[in-house]
Amino acid sequence: MQRNAIILLFALGALLITWQFSIAQSARNADFDANGIVDFGDFILFAQAFGSSQTSFDLDGNGSVDFLDFILFAEQFGEGAPEEDVTVTLPGGAKLEMVWIQPGRFLMGSPDSESGRDDDEGPQHEVAITQGFYLGKYEVTQAQWESVMNTRPWARFGASGDPDKANYPAFYMEWRAVETFFRRLNEAEGKDVFQLPTEAEWEYACRAGTSTPWSFGKDSTQVGSYARNYENSRSATVLENGIIAYGNPEPQETGGVFPNPWGLYDMHGNVWEWVRDVYGPYTAEPQTDPKGPDRPSPAELASYAYPEGLFVVKGGSYGDTVIEIRSAVRRRGLRSRTGFRVLMEHR
């Protein structure tokens, strides 16, 4: 009897070792907050998800966040080292601050239940971002654009581009001009490392580990602390009769509100932001590093008088409601209220 018990214990131990080995080979990254290291912040996120079916925390892929996932999390705890943020010198001398975004997984798009949801935000689907990247801490500013391009496209909107506006976002960004901007950056670098983010990279960075309508949560009344949109981008004048008269909404200085959990400013509002993807429908299948529909050839693109309508913009703007600046919102491109931010590949 004792001999049989010992044999059974050895067999169970062997099975456990085999299970741990096989699962460890396919276990998902436990760096949920994407700061480059599996630490206490990841433990808090994991604890909040425990008992749910959230795929981002289901490390063994068995359909639930359970004790087996906790074992895998414990094995990864302390692994990694956070990449440092960097500052890049642009042609012309302007500085560009960039935040390191760790690879990971997220649910792209919005659930059917999200208030204000548009049909093109679904079906919601899992996306894996397999390569980390640097992303501009702020939208490209007027000073940065002028440093590289020596033009002021926003002047057609009456924005003079005086020094007081240097840290305001560059807007009225035409697609071909943005392509030229990146070409000049890459020529100065000597290799192609600068580009627009894909739509998936942009939304992954915007959500910053969250699954709520905005990266600051579900409470839309908090928008004034985290975003510049129609509600807080208008000047106010008190008239003699006591009535408050509001002006037209305008772009605001970058970084004037709180950042998202990964340290990125103005991902919600201020100006719409270009991404690389051609506009097209989502599919329900899981995706790995998606890049959207096929792009037109350079010759085909050159034939369009207004190529902006082919591409996606994200994030909403100073002229939009709080519903229109949700993380999942996507639109066909436009010029007037659109800027962008820079992605740099790991060098």
Protein backbone atom coordinates (compact mmCIF):
# COMPACT_ATOMS: atom_id res chain seq x y z
CA MET A 1 0.00 0.00 0.00
CA GLN A 2 2.78 2.40 0.97
CA ARG A 3 4.68 1.45 -2.18
CA ASN A 4 1.64 2.24 -4.34
CA ALA A 5 1.23 5.63 -2.66
CA ILE A 6 4.86 6.52 -3.36
CA ILE A 7 4.48 5.50 -7.02
CA LEU A 8 1.33 7.63 -7.27
CA LEU A 9 3.11 10.66 -5.79
CA PHE A 10 5.99 10.27 -8.24
CA ALA A 11 3.53 10.01 -11.13
CA LEU A 12 1.67 13.14 -10.02
CA GLY A 13 4.96 14.99 -9.65
CA ALA A 14 6.02 13.99 -13.15
CA LEU A 15 2.67 15.11 -14.54
CA LEU A 16 2.99 18.47 -12.76
CA ILE A 17 6.51 19.01 -14.12
CA THR A 18 5.35 18.06 -17.63
CA TRP A 19 2.35 20.41 -17.33
CA GLN A 20 4.50 23.29 -16.12
CA PHE A 21 7.02 22.76 -18.93
CA SER A 22 4.43 22.50 -21.69
CA ILE A 23 2.42 25.47 -20.43
CA ALA A 24 5.52 27.61 -19.86
CA GLN A 25 6.45 27.19 -23.51
CA SER A 26 3.16 28.81 -24.60
CA ALA A 27 2.34 31.04 -21.63
CA ARG A 28 1.49 34.65 -22.43
CA ASN A 29 3.51 37.58 -21.23
CA ALA A 30 2.51 38.61 -17.69
CA ASP A 31 3.75 42.19 -18.11
CA PHE A 32 0.17 43.46 -18.24
CA ASP A 33 1.00 47.15 -17.81
CA ALA A 34 3.74 46.90 -20.46
CA ASN A 35 6.40 48.71 -18.43
CA GLY A 36 9.01 46.12 -19.36
CA ILE A 37 9.05 44.16 -16.09
CA VAL A 38 6.60 41.81 -14.34
CA ASP A 39 6.11 43.60 -11.04
CA PHE A 40 3.64 44.53 -8.30
CA GLY A 41 1.62 46.70 -10.69
CA ASP A 42 1.00 43.61 -12.83
CA PHE A 43 0.01 41.66 -9.70
CA ILE A 44 -2.70 44.24 -8.89
CA LEU A 45 -4.09 43.97 -12.43
CA PHE A 46 -3.98 40.17 -12.28
CA ALA A 47 -5.74 40.11 -8.90
CA GLN A 48 -8.53 42.31 -10.25
CA ALA A 49 -9.03 39.93 -13.19
CA PHE A 50 -8.87 36.73 -11.11
CA GLY A 51 -11.94 34.54 -11.64
CA SER A 52 -12.87 36.25 -14.92
CA SER A 53 -12.43 35.11 -18.52
CA GLN A 54 -10.38 38.13 -19.67
CA THR A 55 -8.06 36.75 -22.34
CA SER A 56 -5.21 39.15 -21.57
CA PHE A 57 -4.82 37.58 -18.10
CA ASP A 58 -5.57 33.96 -19.07
CA LEU A 59 -1.90 32.99 -19.28
CA ASP A 60 -2.45 29.29 -20.01
CA GLY A 61 -5.27 29.94 -22.49
CA ASN A 62 -7.77 27.60 -20.82
CA GLY A 63 -10.63 30.11 -20.87
CA SER A 64 -10.50 31.38 -17.28
CA VAL A 65 -8.15 33.33 -15.02
CA ASP A 66 -7.50 30.79 -12.28
CA PHE A 67 -4.91 29.32 -9.92
CA LEU A 68 -2.95 27.77 -12.79
CA ASP A 69 -2.53 31.25 -14.25
CA PHE A 70 -1.34 32.46 -10.86
CA ILE A 71 1.41 29.83 -10.89
CA LEU A 72 2.54 31.03 -14.34
CA PHE A 73 2.39 34.64 -13.16
CA ALA A 74 4.53 33.79 -10.11
CA GLU A 75 7.12 32.14 -12.38
CA GLN A 76 7.43 35.34 -14.45
CA PHE A 77 7.43 37.74 -11.50
CA GLY A 78 10.51 39.95 -11.54
CA GLU A 79 11.46 39.12 -15.12
CA GLY A 80 12.50 41.81 -17.56
CA ALA A 81 13.81 45.32 -17.21
CA PRO A 82 11.97 48.42 -18.36
CA GLU A 83 13.25 50.16 -21.46
CA GLU A 84 14.08 53.81 -20.91
CA ASP A 85 12.21 56.59 -22.67
CA VAL A 86 14.29 58.52 -25.20
CA THR A 87 14.57 62.01 -26.64
CA VAL A 88 15.26 62.33 -30.37
CA THR A 89 16.80 65.36 -32.06
CA LEU A 90 14.85 66.18 -35.22
CA PRO A 91 16.24 67.79 -38.38
CA GLY A 92 16.38 71.50 -37.59
CA GLY A 93 17.22 70.87 -33.93
CA ALA A 94 13.82 70.42 -32.24
CA LYS A 95 13.56 67.70 -29.58
CA LEU A 96 11.01 64.87 -29.62
CA GLU A 97 10.28 62.94 -26.41
CA MET A 98 9.31 59.30 -26.92
CA VAL A 99 7.83 56.67 -24.59
CA TRP A 100 8.72 52.97 -24.78
CA ILE A 101 5.68 50.75 -25.43
CA GLN A 102 6.20 47.12 -24.45
CA PRO A 103 4.70 44.33 -26.63
CA GLY A 104 1.52 42.65 -25.42
CA ARG A 105 -2.09 41.73 -26.20
CA PHE A 106 -5.37 43.62 -26.05
CA LEU A 107 -8.96 43.61 -27.29
CA MET A 108 -9.28 45.99 -30.24
CA GLY A 109 -12.55 47.73 -30.99
CA SER A 110 -15.51 48.14 -28.67
CA PRO A 111 -18.07 45.71 -27.23
CA ASP A 112 -21.67 45.87 -28.49
CA SER A 113 -22.68 47.26 -25.10
CA GLU A 114 -20.46 50.36 -25.22
CA SER A 115 -22.50 53.58 -25.25
CA GLY A 116 -22.13 55.60 -28.45
CA ARG A 117 -20.49 52.72 -30.30
CA ASP A 118 -20.31 52.85 -34.10
CA ASP A 119 -20.68 49.70 -36.21
CA ASP A 120 -17.15 49.98 -37.62
CA GLU A 121 -15.69 49.52 -34.10
CA GLY A 122 -16.53 45.83 -34.25
CA PRO A 123 -16.37 43.00 -34.11
CA GLN A 124 -14.09 43.31 -31.11
CA HIS A 125 -11.09 41.02 -31.56
CA GLU A 126 -7.87 40.05 -29.81
CA VAL A 127 -4.66 41.56 -31.15
CA ALA A 128 -1.08 40.62 -30.33
CA ILE A 129 1.59 43.30 -30.64
CA THR A 130 4.81 41.29 -30.83
CA GLN A 131 7.38 44.08 -31.16
CA GLY A 132 7.86 46.93 -28.71
CA PHE A 133 8.21 50.46 -30.07
CA TYR A 134 8.71 54.07 -29.06
CA LEU A 135 5.81 56.49 -29.47
CA GLY A 136 5.76 60.26 -29.20
CA LYS A 137 4.84 61.37 -25.69
CA TYR A 138 2.91 64.23 -27.30
CA GLU A 139 1.32 64.93 -30.66
CA VAL A 140 3.81 66.50 -33.06
CA THR A 141 3.92 70.19 -32.19
CA GLN A 142 4.04 73.22 -34.44
CA ALA A 143 7.66 73.85 -33.42
CA GLN A 144 8.64 70.27 -34.31
CA TRP A 145 6.86 70.41 -37.67
CA GLU A 146 8.51 73.72 -38.57
CA SER A 147 11.90 72.35 -37.52
CA VAL A 148 11.59 69.55 -40.08
CA MET A 149 9.40 71.07 -42.80
CA ASN A 150 9.74 74.88 -42.47
CA THR A 151 6.01 75.29 -43.28
CA ARG A 152 2.87 76.27 -41.33
CA PRO A 153 -0.14 74.43 -42.75
CA TRP A 154 -2.32 75.48 -39.79
CA ALA A 155 -1.96 79.15 -40.80
CA ARG A 156 -4.82 78.70 -43.27
CA PHE A 157 -7.06 78.36 -40.22
CA GLY A 158 -5.96 81.72 -38.89
CA ALA A 159 -3.41 80.22 -36.49
CA SER A 160 -0.38 82.43 -37.06
CA GLY A 161 2.18 80.02 -35.66
CA ASP A 162 3.67 82.66 -33.38
CA PRO A 163 6.16 81.49 -30.72
CA ASP A 164 3.42 81.25 -28.09
CA LYS A 165 1.87 78.43 -30.14
CA ALA A 166 5.10 76.42 -30.49
CA ASN A 167 3.87 73.64 -28.20
CA TYR A 168 0.42 73.43 -29.74
CA PRO A 169 -0.24 70.47 -32.04
CA ALA A 170 0.56 70.83 -35.72
CA PHE A 171 -2.72 70.35 -37.56
CA TYR A 172 -4.25 70.55 -41.01
CA MET A 173 -1.83 67.75 -41.83
CA GLU A 174 -2.20 66.55 -45.42
CA TRP A 175 -1.26 62.91 -46.04
CA ARG A 176 1.48 63.61 -48.58
CA ALA A 177 3.07 66.25 -46.35
CA VAL A 178 3.16 63.77 -43.44
CA GLU A 179 4.87 61.23 -45.70
CA THR A 180 7.47 63.86 -46.58
CA PHE A 181 8.01 64.58 -42.87
CA PHE A 182 8.83 60.94 -42.20
CA ARG A 183 11.02 60.66 -45.26
CA ARG A 184 13.14 63.55 -43.97
CA LEU A 185 13.38 61.97 -40.51
CA ASN A 186 14.55 58.66 -41.95
CA GLU A 187 17.02 60.30 -44.32
CA ALA A 188 18.56 62.15 -41.38
CA GLU A 189 18.69 58.90 -39.37
CA GLY A 190 20.21 56.95 -42.25
CA LYS A 191 17.67 54.12 -41.96
CA ASP A 192 13.90 53.64 -41.91
CA VAL A 193 12.95 53.63 -38.24
CA PHE A 194 10.35 56.43 -38.09
CA GLN A 195 6.77 56.02 -39.26
CA LEU A 196 3.14 56.43 -38.27
CA PRO A 197 1.78 53.78 -35.90
CA THR A 198 -0.61 51.20 -37.29
CA GLU A 199 -4.19 51.48 -36.10
CA ALA A 200 -3.61 48.51 -33.79
CA GLU A 201 -0.40 49.99 -32.35
CA TRP A 202 -2.14 53.31 -31.79
CA GLU A 203 -5.17 51.81 -30.02
CA TYR A 204 -2.95 49.48 -27.96
CA ALA A 205 -0.93 52.49 -26.75
CA CYS A 206 -4.06 54.58 -26.19
CA ARG A 207 -5.79 51.93 -24.09
CA ALA A 208 -2.61 51.35 -22.07
CA GLY A 209 -3.85 48.11 -20.55
CA THR A 210 -7.45 49.28 -20.06
CA SER A 211 -10.66 47.92 -21.60
CA THR A 212 -12.93 50.85 -20.71
CA PRO A 213 -14.30 53.39 -23.24
CA TRP A 214 -11.53 55.83 -22.32
CA SER A 215 -8.10 55.09 -20.89
CA PHE A 216 -9.13 57.07 -17.80
CA GLY A 217 -12.07 54.74 -17.13
CA LYS A 218 -15.85 54.66 -17.61
CA ASP A 219 -16.76 58.02 -16.07
CA SER A 220 -17.18 60.54 -18.89
CA THR A 221 -17.34 63.40 -16.36
CA GLN A 222 -13.57 62.99 -15.89
CA VAL A 223 -12.88 64.02 -19.49
CA GLY A 224 -11.76 67.53 -18.53
CA SER A 225 -8.80 66.14 -16.61
CA TYR A 226 -7.57 63.82 -19.38
CA ALA A 227 -8.63 65.22 -22.75
CA ARG A 228 -9.18 68.33 -24.83
CA ASN A 229 -12.51 68.24 -26.64
CA TYR A 230 -15.50 70.44 -27.38
CA GLU A 231 -16.40 70.86 -23.71
CA ASN A 232 -13.08 72.42 -22.65
CA SER A 233 -11.51 73.82 -25.83
CA ARG A 234 -13.59 77.00 -26.15
CA SER A 235 -12.83 80.42 -24.77
CA ALA A 236 -15.47 81.90 -22.46
CA THR A 237 -16.42 85.58 -22.15
CA VAL A 238 -18.83 86.97 -19.55
CA LEU A 239 -21.04 89.61 -21.20
CA GLU A 240 -22.41 92.71 -19.46
CA ASN A 241 -25.74 91.01 -18.88
CA GLY A 242 -24.01 88.12 -17.14
CA ILE A 243 -24.46 85.65 -19.96
CA ILE A 244 -21.40 83.56 -20.82
CA ALA A 245 -20.51 83.59 -24.52
CA TYR A 246 -18.38 80.73 -25.79
CA GLY A 247 -16.02 80.96 -28.73
CA ASN A 248 -15.29 78.31 -31.31
CA PRO A 249 -13.29 75.28 -30.14
CA GLU A 250 -9.57 75.46 -30.89
CA PRO A 251 -6.52 73.21 -30.44
CA GLN A 252 -4.89 73.47 -27.02
CA GLU A 253 -1.29 73.23 -25.85
CA THR A 254 -0.02 69.65 -25.80
CA GLY A 255 0.38 68.03 -22.41
CA GLY A 256 -2.11 70.33 -20.68
CA VAL A 257 -4.06 67.42 -19.18
CA PHE A 258 -3.13 64.21 -17.36
CA PRO A 259 -1.49 61.44 -19.43
CA ASN A 260 -2.85 57.93 -19.92
CA PRO A 261 -1.48 55.08 -17.73
CA TRP A 262 1.56 54.65 -20.00
CA GLY A 263 2.56 58.31 -19.94
CA LEU A 264 1.14 59.42 -23.30
CA TYR A 265 -0.62 62.78 -23.49
CA ASP A 266 -3.64 63.82 -25.58
CA MET A 267 -4.46 60.35 -26.89
CA HIS A 268 -8.06 61.45 -26.40
CA GLY A 269 -8.91 64.70 -28.18
CA ASN A 270 -6.93 67.82 -29.10
CA VAL A 271 -6.39 66.70 -32.73
CA TRP A 272 -7.26 63.56 -34.65
CA GLU A 273 -4.16 61.47 -35.35
CA TRP A 274 -3.15 59.75 -38.57
CA VAL A 275 -2.33 56.04 -38.52
CA ARG A 276 -0.82 53.95 -41.33
CA ASP A 277 -3.84 51.77 -42.08
CA VAL A 278 -6.16 52.05 -45.02
CA TYR A 279 -9.74 52.26 -43.71
CA GLY A 280 -11.56 48.93 -43.83
CA PRO A 281 -13.80 46.59 -41.80
CA TYR A 282 -12.61 44.49 -38.87
CA THR A 283 -12.82 40.71 -38.66
CA ALA A 284 -13.54 38.64 -35.56
CA GLU A 285 -10.43 36.45 -35.85
CA PRO A 286 -7.45 37.10 -33.55
CA GLN A 287 -4.76 39.16 -35.27
CA THR A 288 -0.99 39.42 -34.89
CA ASP A 289 0.57 42.81 -35.74
CA PRO A 290 -2.27 43.72 -38.15
CA LYS A 291 -1.63 46.39 -40.77
CA GLY A 292 -5.12 46.81 -42.22
CA PRO A 293 -6.17 46.39 -45.87
CA ASP A 294 -3.62 46.52 -48.68
CA ARG A 295 -2.37 50.02 -49.44
CA PRO A 296 -2.59 51.47 -52.95
CA SER A 297 0.63 51.46 -54.93
CA PRO A 298 2.57 54.76 -55.03
CA ALA A 299 1.29 55.32 -58.58
CA GLU A 300 -2.32 54.69 -57.54
CA LEU A 301 -1.96 56.91 -54.49
CA ALA A 302 -0.55 59.72 -56.63
CA SER A 303 -3.72 59.66 -58.74
CA TYR A 304 -5.91 60.66 -55.80
CA ALA A 305 -6.58 64.37 -55.42
CA TYR A 306 -7.62 63.78 -51.81
CA PRO A 307 -5.86 60.62 -50.52
CA GLU A 308 -6.74 61.45 -46.90
CA GLY A 309 -10.12 59.71 -47.25
CA LEU A 310 -8.39 56.37 -47.77
CA PHE A 311 -6.73 56.26 -44.36
CA VAL A 312 -7.79 56.01 -40.72
CA VAL A 313 -7.63 58.70 -38.04
CA LYS A 314 -8.00 58.00 -34.32
CA GLY A 315 -8.52 59.78 -31.03
CA GLY A 316 -10.99 62.57 -31.76
CA SER A 317 -10.30 66.29 -31.56
CA TYR A 318 -10.91 69.61 -29.86
CA GLY A 319 -14.20 69.90 -31.76
CA ASP A 320 -15.69 66.55 -30.77
CA THR A 321 -17.95 65.30 -27.99
CA VAL A 322 -16.76 62.95 -25.26
CA ILE A 323 -18.34 60.00 -27.10
CA GLU A 324 -16.29 60.76 -30.20
CA ILE A 325 -12.94 60.61 -28.38
CA ARG A 326 -13.27 57.05 -27.04
CA SER A 327 -10.33 54.67 -27.52
CA ALA A 328 -12.14 52.57 -30.15
CA VAL A 329 -13.42 55.41 -32.35
CA ARG A 330 -12.13 55.38 -35.93
CA ARG A 331 -12.88 57.65 -38.87
CA ARG A 332 -11.90 58.09 -42.47
CA GLY A 333 -9.19 60.74 -42.69
CA LEU A 334 -9.74 64.46 -42.83
CA ARG A 335 -7.31 67.37 -42.88
CA SER A 336 -8.69 70.24 -40.87
CA ARG A 337 -8.49 68.89 -37.30
CA THR A 338 -5.83 66.25 -37.86
CA GLY A 339 -2.27 65.88 -36.62
CA PHE A 340 -0.16 62.84 -35.77
CA ARG A 341 2.49 61.41 -33.49
CA VAL A 342 5.72 59.64 -34.34
CA LEU A 343 6.48 55.94 -33.91
CA MET A 344 10.12 54.85 -33.81
CA GLU A 345 11.15 51.22 -34.09
CA HIS A 346 13.54 49.83 -31.49
CA ARG A 347 17.04 50.78 -32.64
